[in-house]
Amino acid sequence: MENKECLECGEIVKGRVDKKFCSDYCRNSYNNKVNKDSKNLIRNINNRLRKNHKILSELNISGKTKVTRTRLYDKGFDFQFFTSIYKTKTGNTYFYIYDEGYLALENETFLLIKRDS
């Protein structure tokens, strides 16, 4: 039987034949290094979505309200990040960040709505 080395630290791996790491720590450390770039991208996008969701939920306490573009920008809202788009039969386009949505109205005003869970 051939001794296999841990892909992370080089220690001899004991146990199953297909085992690649000597411990959970080494497995996690190895995978974190391998996925670092994609995880940073995902983490940054999720943080942006979380911030947008928080802004909408703070401004829309009643479940339906109007707010100006300036007010959203002042809070740090980023219109490039949303989780889904809903188009109505009448042609309105709602943008959602999870359950919080907005619809562009005239005069730089937005209707904020909360989708029923």
C-alpha atoms as a PDB file:
ATOM      1  CA  MET A   1       0.000   0.000   0.000  1.00  0.00           C
ATOM      2  CA  GLU A   2       1.292   3.422  -1.012  1.00  0.00           C
ATOM      3  CA  ASN A   3       1.452   6.266   1.525  1.00  0.00           C
ATOM      4  CA  LYS A   4      -0.449   9.332   0.303  1.00  0.00           C
ATOM      5  CA  GLU A   5       0.483  12.855   1.331  1.00  0.00           C
ATOM      6  CA  CYS A   6      -1.987  15.520   2.420  1.00  0.00           C
ATOM      7  CA  LEU A   7      -2.545  17.997  -0.436  1.00  0.00           C
ATOM      8  CA  GLU A   8      -2.258  20.896   2.026  1.00  0.00           C
ATOM      9  CA  CYS A   9       0.506  20.125   4.528  1.00  0.00           C
ATOM     10  CA  GLY A  10       2.269  17.073   3.085  1.00  0.00           C
ATOM     11  CA  GLU A  11       1.692  14.846   6.136  1.00  0.00           C
ATOM     12  CA  ILE A  12       0.951  11.168   5.566  1.00  0.00           C
ATOM     13  CA  VAL A  13      -2.796  10.592   5.153  1.00  0.00           C
ATOM     14  CA  LYS A  14      -4.271   7.720   7.151  1.00  0.00           C
ATOM     15  CA  GLY A  15      -7.669   6.172   6.572  1.00  0.00           C
ATOM     16  CA  ARG A  16      -9.708   5.610   3.444  1.00  0.00           C
ATOM     17  CA  VAL A  17      -7.941   4.961   0.141  1.00  0.00           C
ATOM     18  CA  ASP A  18      -9.519   7.998  -1.527  1.00  0.00           C
ATOM     19  CA  LYS A  19      -8.760  10.402   1.341  1.00  0.00           C
ATOM     20  CA  LYS A  20      -6.782  13.492   0.229  1.00  0.00           C
ATOM     21  CA  PHE A  21      -6.277  15.436   3.470  1.00  0.00           C
ATOM     22  CA  CYS A  22      -5.042  14.570   6.929  1.00  0.00           C
ATOM     23  CA  SER A  23      -7.661  16.706   8.710  1.00  0.00           C
ATOM     24  CA  ASP A  24     -10.718  18.902   8.239  1.00  0.00           C
ATOM     25  CA  TYR A  25      -8.490  21.916   8.897  1.00  0.00           C
ATOM     26  CA  CYS A  26      -6.214  21.039   5.955  1.00  0.00           C
ATOM     27  CA  ARG A  27      -9.196  20.289   3.684  1.00  0.00           C
ATOM     28  CA  ASN A  28     -10.821  23.640   4.511  1.00  0.00           C
ATOM     29  CA  SER A  29      -7.540  25.533   4.191  1.00  0.00           C
ATOM     30  CA  TYR A  30      -6.808  23.968   0.792  1.00  0.00           C
ATOM     31  CA  ASN A  31     -10.313  24.631  -0.573  1.00  0.00           C
ATOM     32  CA  ASN A  32     -10.296  28.223   0.722  1.00  0.00           C
ATOM     33  CA  LYS A  33      -7.061  28.885  -1.180  1.00  0.00           C
ATOM     34  CA  VAL A  34      -8.381  27.262  -4.364  1.00  0.00           C
ATOM     35  CA  ASN A  35     -11.684  29.168  -4.292  1.00  0.00           C
ATOM     36  CA  LYS A  36     -10.387  32.499  -2.960  1.00  0.00           C
ATOM     37  CA  ASP A  37     -10.951  34.613  -6.100  1.00  0.00           C
ATOM     38  CA  SER A  38     -14.461  33.361  -6.838  1.00  0.00           C
ATOM     39  CA  LYS A  39     -15.414  33.542  -3.157  1.00  0.00           C
ATOM     40  CA  ASN A  40     -14.313  37.193  -2.959  1.00  0.00           C
ATOM     41  CA  LEU A  41     -16.467  38.034  -5.973  1.00  0.00           C
ATOM     42  CA  ILE A  42     -19.468  36.217  -4.516  1.00  0.00           C
ATOM     43  CA  ARG A  43     -18.910  37.746  -1.076  1.00  0.00           C
ATOM     44  CA  ASN A  44     -18.751  41.273  -2.543  1.00  0.00           C
ATOM     45  CA  ILE A  45     -21.927  40.754  -4.582  1.00  0.00           C
ATOM     46  CA  ASN A  46     -23.779  39.297  -1.590  1.00  0.00           C
ATOM     47  CA  ASN A  47     -22.672  42.241   0.569  1.00  0.00           C
ATOM     48  CA  ARG A  48     -23.950  44.675  -2.080  1.00  0.00           C
ATOM     49  CA  LEU A  49     -27.295  42.813  -2.293  1.00  0.00           C
ATOM     50  CA  ARG A  50     -27.580  42.734   1.499  1.00  0.00           C
ATOM     51  CA  LYS A  51     -26.968  46.497   1.687  1.00  0.00           C
ATOM     52  CA  ASN A  52     -29.543  47.223  -1.047  1.00  0.00           C
ATOM     53  CA  HIS A  53     -32.099  45.006   0.726  1.00  0.00           C
ATOM     54  CA  LYS A  54     -31.466  46.763   4.030  1.00  0.00           C
ATOM     55  CA  ILE A  55     -31.935  50.210   2.436  1.00  0.00           C
ATOM     56  CA  LEU A  56     -35.235  49.219   0.819  1.00  0.00           C
ATOM     57  CA  SER A  57     -36.590  47.582   3.976  1.00  0.00           C
ATOM     58  CA  GLU A  58     -35.638  50.626   6.110  1.00  0.00           C
ATOM     59  CA  LEU A  59     -37.338  53.038   3.698  1.00  0.00           C
ATOM     60  CA  ASN A  60     -40.390  50.834   3.142  1.00  0.00           C
ATOM     61  CA  ILE A  61     -41.750  50.159   6.621  1.00  0.00           C
ATOM     62  CA  SER A  62     -45.422  50.073   5.567  1.00  0.00           C
ATOM     63  CA  GLY A  63     -44.926  47.618   2.683  1.00  0.00           C
ATOM     64  CA  LYS A  64     -45.662  50.201  -0.028  1.00  0.00           C
ATOM     65  CA  THR A  65     -44.212  53.709  -0.272  1.00  0.00           C
ATOM     66  CA  LYS A  66     -42.672  56.241  -2.654  1.00  0.00           C
ATOM     67  CA  VAL A  67     -39.126  57.557  -2.502  1.00  0.00           C
ATOM     68  CA  THR A  68     -36.867  59.695  -4.695  1.00  0.00           C
ATOM     69  CA  ARG A  69     -33.796  58.470  -6.562  1.00  0.00           C
ATOM     70  CA  THR A  70     -31.714  60.983  -4.589  1.00  0.00           C
ATOM     71  CA  ARG A  71     -32.859  59.493  -1.285  1.00  0.00           C
ATOM     72  CA  LEU A  72     -31.867  56.001  -2.461  1.00  0.00           C
ATOM     73  CA  TYR A  73     -28.469  57.232  -3.692  1.00  0.00           C
ATOM     74  CA  ASP A  74     -27.869  59.130  -0.453  1.00  0.00           C
ATOM     75  CA  LYS A  75     -28.380  55.899   1.493  1.00  0.00           C
ATOM     76  CA  GLY A  76     -25.873  54.118  -0.792  1.00  0.00           C
ATOM     77  CA  PHE A  77     -28.303  52.144  -2.953  1.00  0.00           C
ATOM     78  CA  ASP A  78     -26.720  50.589  -6.065  1.00  0.00           C
ATOM     79  CA  PHE A  79     -29.168  50.055  -8.936  1.00  0.00           C
ATOM     80  CA  GLN A  80     -26.845  47.537 -10.644  1.00  0.00           C
ATOM     81  CA  PHE A  81     -27.496  44.853  -8.022  1.00  0.00           C
ATOM     82  CA  PHE A  82     -30.826  43.034  -7.785  1.00  0.00           C
ATOM     83  CA  THR A  83     -31.944  39.406  -7.624  1.00  0.00           C
ATOM     84  CA  SER A  84     -34.894  39.311 -10.038  1.00  0.00           C
ATOM     85  CA  ILE A  85     -37.027  41.271 -12.480  1.00  0.00           C
ATOM     86  CA  TYR A  86     -40.805  41.050 -12.754  1.00  0.00           C
ATOM     87  CA  LYS A  87     -42.604  42.460 -15.792  1.00  0.00           C
ATOM     88  CA  THR A  88     -46.344  43.024 -15.544  1.00  0.00           C
ATOM     89  CA  LYS A  89     -48.839  42.570 -18.369  1.00  0.00           C
ATOM     90  CA  THR A  90     -49.163  46.363 -18.519  1.00  0.00           C
ATOM     91  CA  GLY A  91     -45.432  46.726 -19.190  1.00  0.00           C
ATOM     92  CA  ASN A  92     -44.205  47.820 -15.758  1.00  0.00           C
ATOM     93  CA  THR A  93     -40.831  46.438 -14.708  1.00  0.00           C
ATOM     94  CA  TYR A  94     -40.249  45.747 -11.011  1.00  0.00           C
ATOM     95  CA  PHE A  95     -36.730  45.052  -9.758  1.00  0.00           C
ATOM     96  CA  TYR A  96     -36.398  42.911  -6.643  1.00  0.00           C
ATOM     97  CA  ILE A  97     -33.726  42.324  -4.057  1.00  0.00           C
ATOM     98  CA  TYR A  98     -35.153  39.139  -2.581  1.00  0.00           C
ATOM     99  CA  ASP A  99     -38.583  40.236  -1.259  1.00  0.00           C
ATOM    100  CA  GLU A 100     -38.051  44.013  -1.477  1.00  0.00           C
ATOM    101  CA  GLY A 101     -38.858  45.588  -4.834  1.00  0.00           C
ATOM    102  CA  TYR A 102     -38.975  48.907  -6.621  1.00  0.00           C
ATOM    103  CA  LEU A 103     -40.647  50.336  -9.699  1.00  0.00           C
ATOM    104  CA  ALA A 104     -39.414  53.457 -11.485  1.00  0.00           C
ATOM    105  CA  LEU A 105     -42.115  56.113 -11.730  1.00  0.00           C
ATOM    106  CA  GLU A 106     -41.932  59.535 -13.370  1.00  0.00           C
ATOM    107  CA  ASN A 107     -39.881  62.462 -12.002  1.00  0.00           C
ATOM    108  CA  GLU A 108     -37.067  60.308 -10.551  1.00  0.00           C
ATOM    109  CA  THR A 109     -39.484  58.723  -8.070  1.00  0.00           C
ATOM    110  CA  PHE A 110     -39.699  55.044  -7.163  1.00  0.00           C
ATOM    111  CA  LEU A 111     -42.480  52.954  -5.721  1.00  0.00           C
ATOM    112  CA  LEU A 112     -41.096  50.592  -3.078  1.00  0.00           C
ATOM    113  CA  ILE A 113     -43.036  47.399  -2.454  1.00  0.00           C
ATOM    114  CA  LYS A 114     -42.622  44.288  -0.364  1.00  0.00           C
ATOM    115  CA  ARG A 115     -43.528  40.977  -1.997  1.00  0.00           C
ATOM    116  CA  ASP A 116     -45.742  38.670   0.036  1.00  0.00           C
ATOM    117  CA  SER A 117     -43.748  35.764   1.411  1.00  0.00           C
END
